[in-house]
Amino acid sequence: MPNHPTLDVNLSAIAANYRLLKARHAKGTLAAVVKADAYGLGMSAVAARLWDEGCRDFFVATLAEGVSLRAVLPEANIGVFNGLLAGEEKEFQRHTLMPVLNDLGQVERFQGSGFRIQDSGIIHVDTGMTRLGLSIVDLKKISFRILNPESRILLMSHLACASDPAHPKNAEQLTRFREALKYFPGAKASLANSSGIFLSPDFHFDLARPGCALYGINPTKGENPMQPVATLSAPILQIRTLDHDEAIGYDATYAAPKGSRIAVIGIGYADGWMRALSNKGSAYIAGYKVPVIGIISMDMLALDVTNIPEAKLTSDVRAEFINAQHTVDDVARDCNTIGYEIFTRIGNRVARNYID
């Protein structure tokens, strides 16, 4: 068994999640968002498996991510969310990447670089996220350039509150998006993210861009429809039985009674396991749920394994911090964040293993 933390990524589960999302978005094409190294799971392996599953459209955040993905998928359509920044024009063309144009300056830079916006542009309109994107006023200034009904322009926006179907922001953004489309007759449209796919078909349009749902993170407020895709585990470095009452870890925040059995595990915040989980996180060993005790250190943490039968604590057993019983969403709730942050924080010292 490896003596370091590992993240086992089930590529077949990711492919199954892709198929489920595609079935729900039968009206149009399904892209895959693989930014941030496929949410920390490994962009190269994940994108290659999705390509085999039939996915042809991918989105990343930055030019550098796009260049890396192009090396893996020479024929894929790759959009870059952060857009065309000054000085990046030649690299976008060299690697056949498509910037998502977020403001008028990027539109001008795009056209001035030899791209033909009427043939293959992606324009981002802000419908209420108040993040990146052109306003409706901005769209009016450029719409006259894209009147060819055969143009391949894609108009996209991003939903802010789609995980809550009852949120009024959803209907507001849909109305604004439909207004924006009036300025671009014949354009393709993309509005739905992972959560948007689980809204009504009114939000689906021509292309959906799921990210978190592909990786098993719940895109809804209810029961998770997605399969879990990852198991994070780490080795047991030591097990000791206390011969007297003793405090555990830095700052002596946890008092363990005499007779407690303490397992020291080889994972810490340098591996991305958040210090915020100190004294309230948990793990599974041999199927038993056990609590994190004391402050999480840079390279290790402690678990109370008193209630695990000693025969179960064999030399090859590992502590699992994310698994099917204790999902990434469960971990996120323990430290008041979201599954996205948990996955993307997992560090480079954690080896990625791929199962298909």
Protein backbone atom coordinates (compact mmCIF):
# COMPACT_ATOMS: atom_id res chain seq x y z
CA MET A 1 0.00 0.00 0.00
CA PRO A 2 1.27 3.53 -0.73
CA ASN A 3 2.70 5.44 2.23
CA HIS A 4 1.29 8.75 1.08
CA PRO A 5 -2.19 10.22 0.53
CA THR A 6 -3.96 9.15 -2.65
CA LEU A 7 -7.01 10.31 -4.54
CA ASP A 8 -8.64 7.48 -6.46
CA VAL A 9 -10.69 8.93 -9.32
CA ASN A 10 -13.36 6.74 -10.90
CA LEU A 11 -13.42 7.76 -14.56
CA SER A 12 -16.34 5.44 -15.30
CA ALA A 13 -18.41 7.30 -12.68
CA ILE A 14 -17.53 10.62 -14.30
CA ALA A 15 -18.59 9.19 -17.66
CA ALA A 16 -21.86 7.98 -16.12
CA ASN A 17 -22.50 11.45 -14.73
CA TYR A 18 -21.87 12.89 -18.19
CA ARG A 19 -24.42 10.51 -19.68
CA LEU A 20 -27.01 11.42 -17.03
CA LEU A 21 -26.55 15.13 -17.69
CA LYS A 22 -26.66 14.61 -21.42
CA ALA A 23 -29.96 12.74 -21.10
CA ARG A 24 -31.44 15.61 -19.08
CA HIS A 25 -30.18 18.12 -21.64
CA ALA A 26 -31.45 16.22 -24.65
CA LYS A 27 -32.39 19.50 -26.33
CA GLY A 28 -28.79 20.46 -27.05
CA THR A 29 -25.08 19.76 -26.79
CA LEU A 30 -23.31 19.04 -23.51
CA ALA A 31 -19.87 20.56 -22.93
CA ALA A 32 -17.55 19.75 -20.01
CA VAL A 33 -15.94 22.33 -17.74
CA VAL A 34 -12.49 21.01 -16.84
CA LYS A 35 -10.92 24.16 -15.39
CA ALA A 36 -8.74 24.05 -12.27
CA ASP A 37 -7.33 20.67 -13.34
CA ALA A 38 -10.85 19.25 -13.66
CA TYR A 39 -11.73 20.60 -10.21
CA GLY A 40 -8.55 19.05 -8.81
CA LEU A 41 -9.18 15.53 -10.13
CA GLY A 42 -6.78 15.70 -13.08
CA MET A 43 -7.69 17.43 -16.34
CA SER A 44 -5.74 15.19 -18.71
CA ALA A 45 -7.26 11.91 -17.57
CA VAL A 46 -10.77 13.31 -17.08
CA ALA A 47 -10.92 15.13 -20.43
CA ALA A 48 -9.58 12.12 -22.31
CA ARG A 49 -12.26 9.89 -20.75
CA LEU A 50 -15.00 12.39 -21.58
CA TRP A 51 -13.73 12.60 -25.14
CA ASP A 52 -14.07 8.82 -25.38
CA GLU A 53 -17.62 9.25 -24.08
CA GLY A 54 -18.39 11.57 -27.01
CA CYS A 55 -17.83 15.00 -25.49
CA ARG A 56 -16.34 17.42 -28.03
CA ASP A 57 -16.74 20.80 -26.32
CA PHE A 58 -14.68 21.79 -23.28
CA PHE A 59 -14.20 24.92 -21.20
CA VAL A 60 -11.23 26.02 -19.09
CA ALA A 61 -10.55 29.23 -17.18
CA THR A 62 -7.18 30.41 -18.49
CA LEU A 63 -5.02 30.39 -21.58
CA ALA A 64 -2.46 28.15 -19.85
CA GLU A 65 -5.17 25.59 -19.06
CA GLY A 66 -6.31 25.72 -22.68
CA VAL A 67 -2.79 25.07 -23.95
CA SER A 68 -2.48 22.07 -21.61
CA LEU A 69 -5.83 20.68 -22.73
CA ARG A 70 -5.00 21.13 -26.41
CA ALA A 71 -1.99 18.85 -25.95
CA VAL A 72 -4.36 16.15 -24.70
CA LEU A 73 -7.24 16.72 -27.14
CA PRO A 74 -5.95 17.98 -30.51
CA GLU A 75 -9.41 18.08 -32.09
CA ALA A 76 -11.60 19.36 -29.27
CA ASN A 77 -13.44 22.69 -29.21
CA ILE A 78 -11.92 24.56 -26.27
CA GLY A 79 -13.35 27.78 -24.83
CA VAL A 80 -11.45 29.93 -22.33
CA PHE A 81 -13.68 31.68 -19.79
CA ASN A 82 -11.28 34.46 -18.79
CA GLY A 83 -11.21 35.72 -22.35
CA LEU A 84 -8.59 37.31 -24.56
CA LEU A 85 -6.18 39.34 -22.44
CA ALA A 86 -3.62 41.70 -23.95
CA GLY A 87 -0.62 39.87 -25.38
CA GLU A 88 -2.34 36.49 -25.63
CA GLU A 89 -3.60 36.79 -29.20
CA LYS A 90 -0.92 34.71 -30.93
CA GLU A 91 -1.08 31.93 -28.34
CA PHE A 92 -4.85 31.62 -28.77
CA GLN A 93 -4.41 31.30 -32.52
CA ARG A 94 -1.41 28.95 -32.27
CA HIS A 95 -3.36 26.50 -30.13
CA THR A 96 -6.75 27.02 -31.81
CA LEU A 97 -8.44 28.17 -28.63
CA MET A 98 -11.62 30.21 -28.46
CA PRO A 99 -11.74 33.05 -25.92
CA VAL A 100 -15.02 33.89 -24.23
CA LEU A 101 -15.27 37.63 -24.89
CA ASN A 102 -16.21 39.43 -21.68
CA ASP A 103 -16.05 43.12 -22.53
CA LEU A 104 -15.84 45.49 -25.48
CA GLY A 105 -12.06 45.68 -25.22
CA GLN A 106 -11.80 41.92 -25.67
CA VAL A 107 -14.16 42.07 -28.64
CA GLU A 108 -11.96 44.72 -30.32
CA ARG A 109 -8.80 42.75 -29.49
CA PHE A 110 -10.36 39.59 -30.90
CA GLN A 111 -11.27 41.20 -34.21
CA GLY A 112 -8.00 43.10 -34.46
CA SER A 113 -6.07 39.84 -34.10
CA GLY A 114 -7.46 38.30 -37.25
CA PHE A 115 -10.22 36.24 -35.70
CA ARG A 116 -13.60 36.53 -37.42
CA ILE A 117 -16.19 37.07 -34.74
CA GLN A 118 -19.07 36.40 -37.11
CA ASP A 119 -17.70 32.93 -37.85
CA SER A 120 -16.73 31.51 -34.48
CA GLY A 121 -17.03 33.82 -31.51
CA ILE A 122 -18.23 33.29 -27.94
CA ILE A 123 -19.75 36.39 -26.37
CA HIS A 124 -20.50 36.48 -22.66
CA VAL A 125 -23.43 38.62 -21.55
CA ASP A 126 -23.93 39.48 -17.89
CA THR A 127 -27.55 38.76 -17.02
CA GLY A 128 -27.24 39.31 -13.29
CA MET A 129 -24.21 37.49 -11.92
CA THR A 130 -22.37 40.84 -11.97
CA ARG A 131 -19.09 39.16 -12.66
CA LEU A 132 -17.67 38.92 -16.18
CA GLY A 133 -19.69 39.74 -19.29
CA LEU A 134 -20.99 42.50 -21.52
CA SER A 135 -24.07 44.51 -20.58
CA ILE A 136 -27.12 44.76 -22.82
CA VAL A 137 -25.95 48.27 -23.74
CA ASP A 138 -22.60 46.81 -24.81
CA LEU A 139 -24.32 44.15 -26.90
CA LYS A 140 -26.21 46.78 -28.87
CA LYS A 141 -22.88 48.28 -29.90
CA ILE A 142 -21.61 45.09 -31.52
CA SER A 143 -24.77 43.28 -32.66
CA PHE A 144 -24.79 44.93 -36.09
CA ARG A 145 -21.58 43.01 -36.92
CA ILE A 146 -23.24 39.62 -36.51
CA LEU A 147 -26.29 39.53 -38.72
CA ASN A 148 -25.36 36.50 -40.83
CA PRO A 149 -27.93 33.78 -40.01
CA GLU A 150 -25.25 31.17 -40.78
CA SER A 151 -22.77 32.61 -38.27
CA ARG A 152 -21.39 30.35 -35.56
CA ILE A 153 -21.54 32.90 -32.78
CA LEU A 154 -22.38 31.55 -29.34
CA LEU A 155 -23.98 33.87 -26.81
CA MET A 156 -23.53 32.65 -23.25
CA SER A 157 -24.35 33.74 -19.72
CA HIS A 158 -24.00 32.22 -16.27
CA LEU A 159 -26.70 31.48 -13.70
CA ALA A 160 -26.05 32.74 -10.18
CA CYS A 161 -28.70 30.84 -8.17
CA ALA A 162 -29.63 27.79 -10.23
CA SER A 163 -29.14 25.36 -7.34
CA ASP A 164 -32.28 26.88 -5.81
CA PRO A 165 -35.09 26.39 -8.37
CA ALA A 166 -37.42 28.76 -6.48
CA HIS A 167 -34.98 31.67 -6.46
CA PRO A 168 -36.42 34.64 -8.39
CA LYS A 169 -32.99 35.37 -9.83
CA ASN A 170 -33.36 32.43 -12.20
CA ALA A 171 -36.42 33.85 -13.98
CA GLU A 172 -34.84 37.30 -14.01
CA GLN A 173 -31.69 36.02 -15.71
CA LEU A 174 -33.67 33.96 -18.22
CA THR A 175 -35.66 37.04 -19.22
CA ARG A 176 -32.51 39.12 -19.64
CA PHE A 177 -30.83 36.38 -21.64
CA ARG A 178 -33.75 36.13 -24.03
CA GLU A 179 -33.61 39.90 -24.46
CA ALA A 180 -29.92 39.68 -25.30
CA LEU A 181 -30.56 36.99 -27.91
CA LYS A 182 -32.82 39.37 -29.83
CA TYR A 183 -29.73 41.34 -30.83
CA PHE A 184 -28.12 38.25 -32.37
CA PRO A 185 -30.53 36.53 -34.74
CA GLY A 186 -29.33 33.06 -35.62
CA ALA A 187 -26.84 32.84 -32.76
CA LYS A 188 -26.47 29.72 -30.66
CA ALA A 189 -27.10 30.11 -26.94
CA SER A 190 -25.71 28.70 -23.68
CA LEU A 191 -27.10 29.46 -20.23
CA ALA A 192 -27.27 26.28 -18.12
CA ASN A 193 -24.48 25.23 -15.79
CA SER A 194 -24.66 22.01 -13.74
CA SER A 195 -27.55 23.24 -11.62
CA GLY A 196 -29.24 24.89 -14.59
CA ILE A 197 -29.59 21.50 -16.26
CA PHE A 198 -31.92 20.54 -13.39
CA LEU A 199 -34.14 23.57 -13.94
CA SER A 200 -36.91 23.53 -16.53
CA PRO A 201 -36.01 22.98 -20.22
CA ASP A 202 -36.54 26.73 -20.72
CA PHE A 203 -32.99 27.17 -19.43
CA HIS A 204 -31.33 24.57 -21.66
CA PHE A 205 -30.85 26.23 -25.08
CA ASP A 206 -28.18 24.89 -27.47
CA LEU A 207 -25.26 24.16 -25.16
CA ALA A 208 -24.97 23.40 -21.44
CA ARG A 209 -21.72 23.72 -19.49
CA PRO A 210 -21.69 21.37 -16.47
CA GLY A 211 -18.73 21.30 -14.13
CA CYS A 212 -19.38 20.26 -10.54
CA ALA A 213 -22.02 17.66 -11.37
CA LEU A 214 -19.57 15.74 -13.55
CA TYR A 215 -17.40 15.29 -10.46
CA GLY A 216 -20.18 14.06 -8.19
CA ILE A 217 -20.84 17.34 -6.37
CA ASN A 218 -24.57 17.79 -5.76
CA PRO A 219 -25.99 20.37 -8.22
CA THR A 220 -29.37 20.46 -6.46
CA LYS A 221 -30.78 21.23 -3.02
CA GLY A 222 -32.21 17.74 -2.68
CA GLU A 223 -30.84 14.22 -2.92
CA ASN A 224 -27.73 14.08 -5.07
CA PRO A 225 -28.54 12.59 -8.50
CA MET A 226 -24.85 12.22 -9.38
CA GLN A 227 -22.50 9.32 -8.67
CA PRO A 228 -19.56 9.93 -6.31
CA VAL A 229 -16.33 9.82 -8.26
CA ALA A 230 -13.42 10.04 -5.80
CA THR A 231 -11.92 8.39 -2.72
CA LEU A 232 -9.32 10.28 -0.73
CA SER A 233 -7.28 8.12 1.61
CA ALA A 234 -4.10 8.36 3.67
CA PRO A 235 -1.87 5.94 5.57
CA ILE A 236 -1.91 5.31 9.29
CA LEU A 237 1.53 6.34 10.56
CA GLN A 238 1.07 5.21 14.15
CA ILE A 239 -1.52 3.87 16.59
CA ARG A 240 -0.99 4.40 20.29
CA THR A 241 -3.02 3.69 23.40
CA LEU A 242 -2.88 6.40 26.04
CA ASP A 243 -1.74 5.28 29.48
CA HIS A 244 -3.05 8.48 31.05
CA ASP A 245 -5.30 11.41 30.22
CA GLU A 246 -3.60 13.53 27.55
CA ALA A 247 -4.14 16.50 25.24
CA ILE A 248 -3.89 15.98 21.49
CA GLY A 249 -2.02 18.18 19.04
CA TYR A 250 -1.13 21.85 18.85
CA ASP A 251 -2.67 24.19 21.44
CA ALA A 252 -3.95 21.17 23.39
CA THR A 253 -7.50 21.71 22.15
CA TYR A 254 -8.68 18.14 22.64
CA ALA A 255 -8.52 16.18 25.92
CA ALA A 256 -8.36 12.42 25.39
CA PRO A 257 -8.99 10.11 28.37
CA LYS A 258 -6.75 7.29 29.49
CA GLY A 259 -7.24 4.20 27.36
CA SER A 260 -8.04 6.08 24.19
CA ARG A 261 -6.49 4.69 21.03
CA ILE A 262 -5.16 7.41 18.76
CA ALA A 263 -4.27 6.94 15.09
CA VAL A 264 -1.91 9.47 13.52
CA ILE A 265 -2.65 9.82 9.80
CA GLY A 266 -0.29 11.04 7.08
CA ILE A 267 -2.35 13.91 5.65
CA GLY A 268 -2.58 17.56 6.64
CA TYR A 269 -3.27 21.04 5.41
CA ALA A 270 -0.21 20.95 3.11
CA ASP A 271 -2.14 18.26 1.24
CA GLY A 272 -5.21 20.46 1.13
CA TRP A 273 -7.04 18.92 4.09
CA MET A 274 -8.39 22.07 5.66
CA ARG A 275 -7.33 23.08 9.17
CA ALA A 276 -10.94 24.22 9.62
CA LEU A 277 -11.81 20.54 10.02
CA SER A 278 -9.86 20.33 13.28
CA ASN A 279 -11.94 18.75 16.06
CA LYS A 280 -14.98 18.37 13.83
CA GLY A 281 -14.02 16.47 10.70
CA SER A 282 -14.19 12.70 10.36
CA ALA A 283 -12.87 9.77 8.39
CA TYR A 284 -13.65 6.11 7.79
CA ILE A 285 -11.37 3.24 8.73
CA ALA A 286 -12.41 -0.32 7.88
CA GLY A 287 -15.98 0.94 7.49
CA TYR A 288 -16.08 2.66 10.90
CA LYS A 289 -16.62 6.41 11.13
CA VAL A 290 -14.10 8.06 13.44
CA PRO A 291 -13.63 11.71 14.47
CA VAL A 292 -10.72 14.05 13.83
CA ILE A 293 -9.34 15.10 17.21
CA GLY A 294 -7.06 18.00 17.87
CA ILE A 295 -5.67 20.58 15.48
CA ILE A 296 -4.82 19.40 11.97
CA SER A 297 -1.10 19.86 11.34
CA MET A 298 0.73 20.54 8.10
CA ASP A 299 1.49 16.89 7.38
CA MET A 300 -0.66 14.83 9.74
CA LEU A 301 -3.75 14.66 11.90
CA ALA A 302 -5.15 12.46 14.67
CA LEU A 303 -8.21 10.24 14.73
CA ASP A 304 -9.84 8.58 17.73
CA VAL A 305 -10.03 4.89 16.77
CA THR A 306 -10.97 3.59 20.23
CA ASN A 307 -14.22 2.06 18.96
CA ILE A 308 -12.66 0.13 16.06
CA PRO A 309 -11.96 -3.54 16.83
CA GLU A 310 -8.22 -4.01 17.01
CA ALA A 311 -8.36 -6.85 14.48
CA LYS A 312 -9.62 -4.38 11.88
CA LEU A 313 -6.57 -2.15 12.22
CA THR A 314 -4.25 -4.18 10.04
CA SER A 315 -1.05 -2.87 8.48
CA ASP A 316 -2.66 -2.28 5.09
CA VAL A 317 -5.75 -0.38 6.27
CA ARG A 318 -6.03 3.31 5.37
CA ALA A 319 -8.14 6.19 6.57
CA GLU A 320 -10.65 7.42 3.99
CA PHE A 321 -11.62 11.08 4.15
CA ILE A 322 -13.80 11.17 1.05
CA ASN A 323 -15.70 8.10 -0.11
CA ALA A 324 -19.21 6.97 -1.03
CA GLN A 325 -20.25 7.04 2.65
CA HIS A 326 -18.64 10.41 3.34
CA THR A 327 -18.90 12.46 0.17
CA VAL A 328 -17.18 15.67 -0.79
CA ASP A 329 -20.43 17.49 0.02
CA ASP A 330 -20.43 15.98 3.52
CA VAL A 331 -16.89 17.22 4.06
CA ALA A 332 -17.84 20.66 2.79
CA ARG A 333 -20.70 20.92 5.28
CA ASP A 334 -18.31 20.05 8.10
CA CYS A 335 -16.26 23.17 7.41
CA ASN A 336 -18.97 25.48 6.05
CA THR A 337 -17.84 25.58 2.44
CA ILE A 338 -18.70 23.88 -0.87
CA GLY A 339 -17.48 20.71 -2.53
CA TYR A 340 -15.70 22.73 -5.22
CA GLU A 341 -13.28 24.13 -2.64
CA ILE A 342 -12.61 20.75 -1.05
CA PHE A 343 -11.65 19.13 -4.35
CA THR A 344 -9.62 22.03 -5.73
CA ARG A 345 -7.62 22.36 -2.49
CA ILE A 346 -6.30 18.79 -2.67
CA GLY A 347 -2.58 19.29 -3.15
CA ASN A 348 0.08 17.93 -5.46
CA ARG A 349 1.50 15.63 -2.77
CA VAL A 350 -1.69 13.59 -3.10
CA ALA A 351 -1.18 11.04 -5.86
CA ARG A 352 -4.04 10.70 -8.34
CA ASN A 353 -4.94 7.15 -9.29
CA TYR A 354 -7.43 6.51 -12.09
CA ILE A 355 -9.96 3.69 -12.18
CA ASP A 356 -11.98 2.90 -15.29
